[in-house]
Amino acid sequence: MTLQRSPVRRLRDVVFYLIVAGLSANFVLLIVLLLAADLMFTSPAEIVKALQKPEIRAAFGLTLSTCTITAVLSVWVATPLGYALSRYRFPGRSVVDTIVDIPIVLPPLVLGLSLLILFHQPFPFSQWLFPDSNWQLETWLRDRVGFPVTFRWPAVILAQFAVACAFAVRTMRVTFDQIDPRAEDVARTLGCTRGQAFMHVALPQAWRGVIAAGTIAWARALGEFGPILVFAGSTRFRTEVLSTTVFLELSVGQLDAAVAVSLLMVAMAIVVLVTLRWLGAGLSP
């Protein structure tokens, strides 16, 4: 026996659907209008002309390399950290969980300034460890290791990593939260160590989360601007990436070039998302 809905109830359902659809469509429409405005502002010829500039091509190459390195490093760090936060209850776990979220809520310029201070701030008792230096991390890396960081390409990766890894950790933690730990317990009862249970049982089940974490980290690194500008600068052919290119082109009045680079970044983000989703679909059983 099926219950007949009253006209008033059906009307309320229609109103609810209209409200949900209307509110949802507003955001989708906003994104579509933003992209359409960018496309109508310039022309394909102007886009090609802007992207043929040597400095923009160099920024494109640096962006690809740094975002890829950042995504790999983020997944490499986020996988064990997300696993630890998901599986273990250890002293200070809530503190670690809070610290991981700090880069997500911290203003980008503040994060960049903090990185800059970290590499140039003398630490207490550092003169005991490095008596021949002026006790700064950047100076020690430059003089002793021969690998300076600040205002060079490693600073770009570190600035991207500081933010992107936090998002990757959140993704991996949610992934492991959704995986039943009983299979790992069974593997340990059969003689596996914790490391073997993680590598052969938990990690294969978390491959979707690994792909998602890498995607989020790559996309987040692509759009990072504030920390890079403060910590790495935006020197042409040296530390300039696409996000800072938009700022530089706007600062000199080259609006067409700025819009062209913006559209390039949108295209790169779409290509990465579509490619990784296609890869994930191909790997599914």
C-alpha atoms as a PDB file:
ATOM      1  CA  MET A   1       0.000   0.000   0.000  1.00  0.00           C
ATOM      2  CA  THR A   2       1.457   3.310  -1.088  1.00  0.00           C
ATOM      3  CA  LEU A   3       0.779   6.468   0.804  1.00  0.00           C
ATOM      4  CA  GLN A   4      -0.513   9.373  -1.244  1.00  0.00           C
ATOM      5  CA  ARG A   5       1.209  12.646  -0.559  1.00  0.00           C
ATOM      6  CA  SER A   6      -1.028  15.620  -0.009  1.00  0.00           C
ATOM      7  CA  PRO A   7      -0.846  18.587  -2.416  1.00  0.00           C
ATOM      8  CA  VAL A   8       0.565  20.738   0.359  1.00  0.00           C
ATOM      9  CA  ARG A   9       3.358  18.254   1.020  1.00  0.00           C
ATOM     10  CA  ARG A  10       4.163  17.991  -2.680  1.00  0.00           C
ATOM     11  CA  LEU A  11       4.263  21.771  -2.911  1.00  0.00           C
ATOM     12  CA  ARG A  12       6.672  21.938   0.027  1.00  0.00           C
ATOM     13  CA  ASP A  13       8.914  19.371  -1.660  1.00  0.00           C
ATOM     14  CA  VAL A  14       8.941  21.409  -4.853  1.00  0.00           C
ATOM     15  CA  VAL A  15       9.846  24.550  -2.919  1.00  0.00           C
ATOM     16  CA  PHE A  16      12.663  22.670  -1.159  1.00  0.00           C
ATOM     17  CA  TYR A  17      14.051  21.389  -4.487  1.00  0.00           C
ATOM     18  CA  LEU A  18      13.904  24.869  -5.971  1.00  0.00           C
ATOM     19  CA  ILE A  19      15.773  26.358  -3.004  1.00  0.00           C
ATOM     20  CA  VAL A  20      18.479  23.682  -3.123  1.00  0.00           C
ATOM     21  CA  ALA A  21      18.853  23.963  -6.900  1.00  0.00           C
ATOM     22  CA  GLY A  22      18.872  27.752  -6.800  1.00  0.00           C
ATOM     23  CA  LEU A  23      21.503  28.058  -4.094  1.00  0.00           C
ATOM     24  CA  SER A  24      23.677  25.383  -5.718  1.00  0.00           C
ATOM     25  CA  ALA A  25      23.358  26.916  -9.170  1.00  0.00           C
ATOM     26  CA  ASN A  26      24.491  30.315  -7.894  1.00  0.00           C
ATOM     27  CA  PHE A  27      27.969  29.068  -7.079  1.00  0.00           C
ATOM     28  CA  VAL A  28      28.296  27.014 -10.263  1.00  0.00           C
ATOM     29  CA  LEU A  29      27.083  29.979 -12.306  1.00  0.00           C
ATOM     30  CA  LEU A  30      29.580  32.276 -10.602  1.00  0.00           C
ATOM     31  CA  ILE A  31      32.511  30.023 -11.598  1.00  0.00           C
ATOM     32  CA  VAL A  32      31.220  29.735 -15.173  1.00  0.00           C
ATOM     33  CA  LEU A  33      30.796  33.501 -15.448  1.00  0.00           C
ATOM     34  CA  LEU A  34      34.320  34.110 -14.122  1.00  0.00           C
ATOM     35  CA  LEU A  35      35.823  31.817 -16.740  1.00  0.00           C
ATOM     36  CA  ALA A  36      33.620  33.252 -19.474  1.00  0.00           C
ATOM     37  CA  ALA A  37      34.653  36.794 -18.545  1.00  0.00           C
ATOM     38  CA  ASP A  38      38.332  35.846 -18.815  1.00  0.00           C
ATOM     39  CA  LEU A  39      37.785  34.201 -22.184  1.00  0.00           C
ATOM     40  CA  MET A  40      35.839  37.182 -23.561  1.00  0.00           C
ATOM     41  CA  PHE A  41      38.390  39.676 -22.282  1.00  0.00           C
ATOM     42  CA  THR A  42      41.194  38.345 -24.472  1.00  0.00           C
ATOM     43  CA  SER A  43      41.590  36.516 -27.764  1.00  0.00           C
ATOM     44  CA  PRO A  44      43.456  33.341 -28.763  1.00  0.00           C
ATOM     45  CA  ALA A  45      46.048  35.441 -30.578  1.00  0.00           C
ATOM     46  CA  GLU A  46      46.729  37.505 -27.454  1.00  0.00           C
ATOM     47  CA  ILE A  47      46.986  34.346 -25.367  1.00  0.00           C
ATOM     48  CA  VAL A  48      49.515  32.787 -27.743  1.00  0.00           C
ATOM     49  CA  LYS A  49      51.492  36.024 -27.872  1.00  0.00           C
ATOM     50  CA  ALA A  50      51.653  36.260 -24.093  1.00  0.00           C
ATOM     51  CA  LEU A  51      52.600  32.636 -23.603  1.00  0.00           C
ATOM     52  CA  GLN A  52      55.475  32.980 -26.070  1.00  0.00           C
ATOM     53  CA  LYS A  53      57.290  35.378 -23.755  1.00  0.00           C
ATOM     54  CA  PRO A  54      60.528  33.760 -22.514  1.00  0.00           C
ATOM     55  CA  GLU A  55      59.865  34.721 -18.901  1.00  0.00           C
ATOM     56  CA  ILE A  56      56.397  33.179 -18.945  1.00  0.00           C
ATOM     57  CA  ARG A  57      57.709  29.993 -20.539  1.00  0.00           C
ATOM     58  CA  ALA A  58      60.384  29.782 -17.854  1.00  0.00           C
ATOM     59  CA  ALA A  59      57.749  30.327 -15.157  1.00  0.00           C
ATOM     60  CA  PHE A  60      55.642  27.574 -16.724  1.00  0.00           C
ATOM     61  CA  GLY A  61      58.524  25.101 -16.563  1.00  0.00           C
ATOM     62  CA  LEU A  62      59.377  26.008 -12.978  1.00  0.00           C
ATOM     63  CA  THR A  63      55.731  25.693 -11.992  1.00  0.00           C
ATOM     64  CA  LEU A  64      55.443  22.190 -13.447  1.00  0.00           C
ATOM     65  CA  SER A  65      58.603  20.974 -11.749  1.00  0.00           C
ATOM     66  CA  THR A  66      57.986  22.544  -8.336  1.00  0.00           C
ATOM     67  CA  CYS A  67      54.329  21.496  -8.158  1.00  0.00           C
ATOM     68  CA  THR A  68      55.231  17.917  -9.053  1.00  0.00           C
ATOM     69  CA  ILE A  69      58.028  17.754  -6.481  1.00  0.00           C
ATOM     70  CA  THR A  70      55.748  19.304  -3.872  1.00  0.00           C
ATOM     71  CA  ALA A  71      52.969  16.799  -4.585  1.00  0.00           C
ATOM     72  CA  VAL A  72      55.362  13.847  -4.292  1.00  0.00           C
ATOM     73  CA  LEU A  73      56.862  15.147  -1.050  1.00  0.00           C
ATOM     74  CA  SER A  74      53.403  15.892   0.353  1.00  0.00           C
ATOM     75  CA  VAL A  75      52.141  12.369  -0.312  1.00  0.00           C
ATOM     76  CA  TRP A  76      55.387  10.898   1.034  1.00  0.00           C
ATOM     77  CA  VAL A  77      54.945  12.762   4.334  1.00  0.00           C
ATOM     78  CA  ALA A  78      51.142  12.776   4.540  1.00  0.00           C
ATOM     79  CA  THR A  79      50.709   9.010   4.176  1.00  0.00           C
ATOM     80  CA  PRO A  80      52.512   7.956   7.386  1.00  0.00           C
ATOM     81  CA  LEU A  81      51.342  11.021   9.299  1.00  0.00           C
ATOM     82  CA  GLY A  82      47.719  10.513   8.277  1.00  0.00           C
ATOM     83  CA  TYR A  83      48.034   6.828   9.180  1.00  0.00           C
ATOM     84  CA  ALA A  84      49.452   7.641  12.615  1.00  0.00           C
ATOM     85  CA  LEU A  85      46.706  10.158  13.370  1.00  0.00           C
ATOM     86  CA  SER A  86      44.055   7.702  12.244  1.00  0.00           C
ATOM     87  CA  ARG A  87      45.266   4.508  13.898  1.00  0.00           C
ATOM     88  CA  TYR A  88      47.109   5.464  17.089  1.00  0.00           C
ATOM     89  CA  ARG A  89      46.170   7.246  20.300  1.00  0.00           C
ATOM     90  CA  PHE A  90      49.450   8.649  21.587  1.00  0.00           C
ATOM     91  CA  PRO A  91      50.272  11.455  24.047  1.00  0.00           C
ATOM     92  CA  GLY A  92      50.065  14.818  22.340  1.00  0.00           C
ATOM     93  CA  ARG A  93      47.985  13.498  19.444  1.00  0.00           C
ATOM     94  CA  SER A  94      45.503  16.374  19.678  1.00  0.00           C
ATOM     95  CA  VAL A  95      48.395  18.845  19.704  1.00  0.00           C
ATOM     96  CA  VAL A  96      49.894  17.291  16.566  1.00  0.00           C
ATOM     97  CA  ASP A  97      46.461  17.279  14.941  1.00  0.00           C
ATOM     98  CA  THR A  98      46.081  20.992  15.670  1.00  0.00           C
ATOM     99  CA  ILE A  99      49.579  21.854  14.460  1.00  0.00           C
ATOM    100  CA  VAL A 100      48.926  20.113  11.145  1.00  0.00           C
ATOM    101  CA  ASP A 101      45.917  22.364  10.561  1.00  0.00           C
ATOM    102  CA  ILE A 102      47.805  25.615  11.219  1.00  0.00           C
ATOM    103  CA  PRO A 103      49.026  26.106   7.599  1.00  0.00           C
ATOM    104  CA  ILE A 104      45.438  25.722   6.402  1.00  0.00           C
ATOM    105  CA  VAL A 105      44.050  28.556   8.545  1.00  0.00           C
ATOM    106  CA  LEU A 106      47.166  30.734   8.686  1.00  0.00           C
ATOM    107  CA  PRO A 107      47.172  33.775   6.370  1.00  0.00           C
ATOM    108  CA  PRO A 108      49.503  33.017   3.429  1.00  0.00           C
ATOM    109  CA  LEU A 109      51.648  36.110   3.926  1.00  0.00           C
ATOM    110  CA  VAL A 110      52.158  35.192   7.583  1.00  0.00           C
ATOM    111  CA  LEU A 111      53.316  31.719   6.579  1.00  0.00           C
ATOM    112  CA  GLY A 112      55.804  33.168   4.119  1.00  0.00           C
ATOM    113  CA  LEU A 113      57.094  35.604   6.722  1.00  0.00           C
ATOM    114  CA  SER A 114      57.453  32.768   9.231  1.00  0.00           C
ATOM    115  CA  LEU A 115      59.532  30.770   6.759  1.00  0.00           C
ATOM    116  CA  LEU A 116      61.717  33.784   6.130  1.00  0.00           C
ATOM    117  CA  ILE A 117      62.268  34.298   9.866  1.00  0.00           C
ATOM    118  CA  LEU A 118      62.968  30.587  10.381  1.00  0.00           C
ATOM    119  CA  PHE A 119      65.897  30.667   7.984  1.00  0.00           C
ATOM    120  CA  HIS A 120      67.325  33.973   9.231  1.00  0.00           C
ATOM    121  CA  GLN A 121      66.616  33.907  12.963  1.00  0.00           C
ATOM    122  CA  PRO A 122      69.483  32.966  15.328  1.00  0.00           C
ATOM    123  CA  PHE A 123      68.325  30.193  17.667  1.00  0.00           C
ATOM    124  CA  PRO A 124      69.337  29.837  21.324  1.00  0.00           C
ATOM    125  CA  PHE A 125      72.407  27.634  21.867  1.00  0.00           C
ATOM    126  CA  SER A 126      73.022  27.441  18.102  1.00  0.00           C
ATOM    127  CA  GLN A 127      76.418  29.072  18.609  1.00  0.00           C
ATOM    128  CA  TRP A 128      77.479  25.953  20.517  1.00  0.00           C
ATOM    129  CA  LEU A 129      76.716  23.765  17.515  1.00  0.00           C
ATOM    130  CA  PHE A 130      77.991  26.130  14.815  1.00  0.00           C
ATOM    131  CA  PRO A 131      80.608  28.379  16.464  1.00  0.00           C
ATOM    132  CA  ASP A 132      82.069  29.535  13.154  1.00  0.00           C
ATOM    133  CA  SER A 133      78.792  30.768  11.687  1.00  0.00           C
ATOM    134  CA  ASN A 134      76.463  33.589  12.638  1.00  0.00           C
ATOM    135  CA  TRP A 135      73.918  30.994  13.873  1.00  0.00           C
ATOM    136  CA  GLN A 136      71.412  31.357  11.070  1.00  0.00           C
ATOM    137  CA  LEU A 137      70.039  28.354   9.208  1.00  0.00           C
ATOM    138  CA  GLU A 138      70.305  30.062   5.824  1.00  0.00           C
ATOM    139  CA  THR A 139      73.924  31.047   6.433  1.00  0.00           C
ATOM    140  CA  TRP A 140      74.819  27.541   7.556  1.00  0.00           C
ATOM    141  CA  LEU A 141      73.167  25.987   4.505  1.00  0.00           C
ATOM    142  CA  ARG A 142      74.930  28.404   2.205  1.00  0.00           C
ATOM    143  CA  ASP A 143      78.416  28.267   3.766  1.00  0.00           C
ATOM    144  CA  ARG A 144      78.613  24.695   5.051  1.00  0.00           C
ATOM    145  CA  VAL A 145      76.326  22.746   2.739  1.00  0.00           C
ATOM    146  CA  GLY A 146      76.486  24.941  -0.356  1.00  0.00           C
ATOM    147  CA  PHE A 147      72.727  24.808  -0.782  1.00  0.00           C
ATOM    148  CA  PRO A 148      71.087  28.191  -0.127  1.00  0.00           C
ATOM    149  CA  VAL A 149      67.317  28.234   0.076  1.00  0.00           C
ATOM    150  CA  THR A 150      65.897  31.734   0.550  1.00  0.00           C
ATOM    151  CA  PHE A 151      64.969  33.569  -2.665  1.00  0.00           C
ATOM    152  CA  ARG A 152      65.905  30.551  -4.771  1.00  0.00           C
ATOM    153  CA  TRP A 153      63.957  27.671  -6.301  1.00  0.00           C
ATOM    154  CA  PRO A 154      64.120  25.459  -3.160  1.00  0.00           C
ATOM    155  CA  ALA A 155      62.217  28.209  -1.347  1.00  0.00           C
ATOM    156  CA  VAL A 156      59.407  27.860  -3.889  1.00  0.00           C
ATOM    157  CA  ILE A 157      59.080  24.146  -3.139  1.00  0.00           C
ATOM    158  CA  LEU A 158      59.259  24.671   0.618  1.00  0.00           C
ATOM    159  CA  ALA A 159      56.603  27.415   0.511  1.00  0.00           C
ATOM    160  CA  GLN A 160      54.304  25.214  -1.568  1.00  0.00           C
ATOM    161  CA  PHE A 161      54.981  22.162   0.595  1.00  0.00           C
ATOM    162  CA  ALA A 162      54.189  23.967   3.857  1.00  0.00           C
ATOM    163  CA  VAL A 163      50.600  24.479   2.708  1.00  0.00           C
ATOM    164  CA  ALA A 164      49.964  21.583   0.324  1.00  0.00           C
ATOM    165  CA  CYS A 165      51.132  18.913   2.748  1.00  0.00           C
ATOM    166  CA  ALA A 166      48.558  19.991   5.332  1.00  0.00           C
ATOM    167  CA  PHE A 167      45.745  19.329   2.858  1.00  0.00           C
ATOM    168  CA  ALA A 168      47.306  16.002   1.890  1.00  0.00           C
ATOM    169  CA  VAL A 169      47.502  14.939   5.558  1.00  0.00           C
ATOM    170  CA  ARG A 170      43.801  15.664   6.030  1.00  0.00           C
ATOM    171  CA  THR A 171      42.968  13.615   2.939  1.00  0.00           C
ATOM    172  CA  MET A 172      45.085  10.650   4.007  1.00  0.00           C
ATOM    173  CA  ARG A 173      43.705  10.674   7.526  1.00  0.00           C
ATOM    174  CA  VAL A 174      40.121  10.547   6.253  1.00  0.00           C
ATOM    175  CA  THR A 175      41.175   7.755   3.896  1.00  0.00           C
ATOM    176  CA  PHE A 176      42.596   5.586   6.678  1.00  0.00           C
ATOM    177  CA  ASP A 177      39.618   6.391   8.924  1.00  0.00           C
ATOM    178  CA  GLN A 178      37.392   4.774   6.296  1.00  0.00           C
ATOM    179  CA  ILE A 179      39.512   1.594   6.100  1.00  0.00           C
ATOM    180  CA  ASP A 180      38.606  -1.154   8.564  1.00  0.00           C
ATOM    181  CA  PRO A 181      41.699  -1.916  10.709  1.00  0.00           C
ATOM    182  CA  ARG A 182      40.628  -5.520  11.333  1.00  0.00           C
ATOM    183  CA  ALA A 183      42.446  -6.742   8.213  1.00  0.00           C
ATOM    184  CA  GLU A 184      45.692  -5.305   9.587  1.00  0.00           C
ATOM    185  CA  ASP A 185      45.043  -6.973  12.944  1.00  0.00           C
ATOM    186  CA  VAL A 186      44.557 -10.306  11.207  1.00  0.00           C
ATOM    187  CA  ALA A 187      47.787  -9.835   9.254  1.00  0.00           C
ATOM    188  CA  ARG A 188      49.693  -9.198  12.489  1.00  0.00           C
ATOM    189  CA  THR A 189      48.233 -12.322  14.107  1.00  0.00           C
ATOM    190  CA  LEU A 190      49.555 -14.267  11.098  1.00  0.00           C
ATOM    191  CA  GLY A 191      53.095 -13.039  11.744  1.00  0.00           C
ATOM    192  CA  CYS A 192      53.321  -9.684   9.929  1.00  0.00           C
ATOM    193  CA  THR A 193      55.006  -6.769  11.589  1.00  0.00           C
ATOM    194  CA  ARG A 194      53.204  -3.439  11.816  1.00  0.00           C
ATOM    195  CA  GLY A 195      55.246  -2.169   8.890  1.00  0.00           C
ATOM    196  CA  GLN A 196      54.389  -5.202   6.760  1.00  0.00           C
ATOM    197  CA  ALA A 197      50.709  -4.898   7.647  1.00  0.00           C
ATOM    198  CA  PHE A 198      50.813  -1.241   6.640  1.00  0.00           C
ATOM    199  CA  MET A 199      52.652  -1.838   3.353  1.00  0.00           C
ATOM    200  CA  HIS A 200      50.757  -4.963   2.243  1.00  0.00           C
ATOM    201  CA  VAL A 201      47.280  -4.450   3.722  1.00  0.00           C
ATOM    202  CA  ALA A 202      46.498  -0.801   4.559  1.00  0.00           C
ATOM    203  CA  LEU A 203      48.398   1.015   1.822  1.00  0.00           C
ATOM    204  CA  PRO A 204      46.954  -0.978  -1.125  1.00  0.00           C
ATOM    205  CA  GLN A 205      43.469  -0.174   0.151  1.00  0.00           C
ATOM    206  CA  ALA A 206      44.336   3.528   0.401  1.00  0.00           C
ATOM    207  CA  TRP A 207      45.407   4.050  -3.215  1.00  0.00           C
ATOM    208  CA  ARG A 208      42.388   6.215  -3.975  1.00  0.00           C
ATOM    209  CA  GLY A 209      43.289   8.479  -1.076  1.00  0.00           C
ATOM    210  CA  VAL A 210      46.900   8.663  -2.254  1.00  0.00           C
ATOM    211  CA  ILE A 211      45.753   9.822  -5.686  1.00  0.00           C
ATOM    212  CA  ALA A 212      43.352  12.322  -4.119  1.00  0.00           C
ATOM    213  CA  ALA A 213      46.053  13.633  -1.778  1.00  0.00           C
ATOM    214  CA  GLY A 214      48.498  14.051  -4.656  1.00  0.00           C
ATOM    215  CA  THR A 215      45.868  15.827  -6.729  1.00  0.00           C
ATOM    216  CA  ILE A 216      44.965  18.226  -3.939  1.00  0.00           C
ATOM    217  CA  ALA A 217      48.617  18.903  -3.138  1.00  0.00           C
ATOM    218  CA  TRP A 218      49.484  19.590  -6.786  1.00  0.00           C
ATOM    219  CA  ALA A 219      46.520  21.878  -7.306  1.00  0.00           C
ATOM    220  CA  ARG A 220      47.184  23.700  -4.037  1.00  0.00           C
ATOM    221  CA  ALA A 221      50.842  24.194  -4.953  1.00  0.00           C
ATOM    222  CA  LEU A 222      49.799  25.564  -8.350  1.00  0.00           C
ATOM    223  CA  GLY A 223      47.710  28.320  -6.772  1.00  0.00           C
ATOM    224  CA  GLU A 224      50.099  29.217  -3.960  1.00  0.00           C
ATOM    225  CA  PHE A 225      51.138  32.884  -4.042  1.00  0.00           C
ATOM    226  CA  GLY A 226      51.675  34.642  -0.696  1.00  0.00           C
ATOM    227  CA  PRO A 227      54.352  32.417   0.870  1.00  0.00           C
ATOM    228  CA  ILE A 228      56.230  32.194  -2.430  1.00  0.00           C
ATOM    229  CA  LEU A 229      56.267  35.954  -2.892  1.00  0.00           C
ATOM    230  CA  VAL A 230      57.597  36.586   0.625  1.00  0.00           C
ATOM    231  CA  PHE A 231      59.988  33.649   1.024  1.00  0.00           C
ATOM    232  CA  ALA A 232      61.174  33.021  -2.550  1.00  0.00           C
ATOM    233  CA  GLY A 233      60.471  36.319  -4.252  1.00  0.00           C
ATOM    234  CA  SER A 234      59.486  36.601  -7.898  1.00  0.00           C
ATOM    235  CA  THR A 235      62.712  37.015  -9.822  1.00  0.00           C
ATOM    236  CA  ARG A 236      62.431  36.483 -13.555  1.00  0.00           C
ATOM    237  CA  PHE A 237      63.995  33.206 -14.774  1.00  0.00           C
ATOM    238  CA  ARG A 238      64.854  32.273 -11.183  1.00  0.00           C
ATOM    239  CA  THR A 239      61.939  32.001  -8.753  1.00  0.00           C
ATOM    240  CA  GLU A 240      59.013  33.199 -10.848  1.00  0.00           C
ATOM    241  CA  VAL A 241      56.111  30.763 -11.089  1.00  0.00           C
ATOM    242  CA  LEU A 242      52.785  31.251 -12.829  1.00  0.00           C
ATOM    243  CA  SER A 243      50.962  32.550  -9.764  1.00  0.00           C
ATOM    244  CA  THR A 244      53.551  35.294  -9.256  1.00  0.00           C
ATOM    245  CA  THR A 245      53.644  35.929 -13.004  1.00  0.00           C
ATOM    246  CA  VAL A 246      50.039  37.109 -12.826  1.00  0.00           C
ATOM    247  CA  PHE A 247      51.045  39.569 -10.119  1.00  0.00           C
ATOM    248  CA  LEU A 248      54.089  40.822 -12.053  1.00  0.00           C
ATOM    249  CA  GLU A 249      52.151  41.282 -15.290  1.00  0.00           C
ATOM    250  CA  LEU A 250      49.411  43.173 -13.463  1.00  0.00           C
ATOM    251  CA  SER A 251      51.969  45.385 -11.728  1.00  0.00           C
ATOM    252  CA  VAL A 252      53.336  46.566 -15.101  1.00  0.00           C
ATOM    253  CA  GLY A 253      49.913  47.005 -16.675  1.00  0.00           C
ATOM    254  CA  GLN A 254      50.025  43.905 -18.902  1.00  0.00           C
ATOM    255  CA  LEU A 255      46.458  42.817 -18.233  1.00  0.00           C
ATOM    256  CA  ASP A 256      46.233  40.674 -21.374  1.00  0.00           C
ATOM    257  CA  ALA A 257      49.273  38.655 -20.314  1.00  0.00           C
ATOM    258  CA  ALA A 258      47.927  38.289 -16.778  1.00  0.00           C
ATOM    259  CA  VAL A 259      44.606  36.959 -18.081  1.00  0.00           C
ATOM    260  CA  ALA A 260      46.428  34.610 -20.473  1.00  0.00           C
ATOM    261  CA  VAL A 261      48.489  33.144 -17.627  1.00  0.00           C
ATOM    262  CA  SER A 262      45.354  32.832 -15.490  1.00  0.00           C
ATOM    263  CA  LEU A 263      43.634  30.835 -18.221  1.00  0.00           C
ATOM    264  CA  LEU A 264      46.734  28.670 -18.571  1.00  0.00           C
ATOM    265  CA  MET A 265      46.606  27.883 -14.853  1.00  0.00           C
ATOM    266  CA  VAL A 266      42.921  26.986 -15.123  1.00  0.00           C
ATOM    267  CA  ALA A 267      43.683  24.673 -18.041  1.00  0.00           C
ATOM    268  CA  MET A 268      46.541  23.023 -16.139  1.00  0.00           C
ATOM    269  CA  ALA A 269      44.341  22.408 -13.123  1.00  0.00           C
ATOM    270  CA  ILE A 270      41.580  20.895 -15.261  1.00  0.00           C
ATOM    271  CA  VAL A 271      44.026  18.638 -17.119  1.00  0.00           C
ATOM    272  CA  VAL A 272      45.526  17.339 -13.876  1.00  0.00           C
ATOM    273  CA  LEU A 273      42.129  16.666 -12.287  1.00  0.00           C
ATOM    274  CA  VAL A 274      40.728  14.918 -15.360  1.00  0.00           C
ATOM    275  CA  THR A 275      43.892  12.863 -15.881  1.00  0.00           C
ATOM    276  CA  LEU A 276      44.071  11.649 -12.300  1.00  0.00           C
ATOM    277  CA  ARG A 277      40.362  10.839 -12.176  1.00  0.00           C
ATOM    278  CA  TRP A 278      40.728   8.876 -15.405  1.00  0.00           C
ATOM    279  CA  LEU A 279      43.739   7.069 -13.930  1.00  0.00           C
ATOM    280  CA  GLY A 280      41.792   6.263 -10.788  1.00  0.00           C
ATOM    281  CA  ALA A 281      38.886   4.908 -12.818  1.00  0.00           C
ATOM    282  CA  GLY A 282      41.303   2.776 -14.842  1.00  0.00           C
ATOM    283  CA  LEU A 283      42.841   1.290 -11.713  1.00  0.00           C
ATOM    284  CA  SER A 284      39.547   0.378 -10.116  1.00  0.00           C
ATOM    285  CA  PRO A 285      38.700  -3.356 -10.204  1.00  0.00           C
END
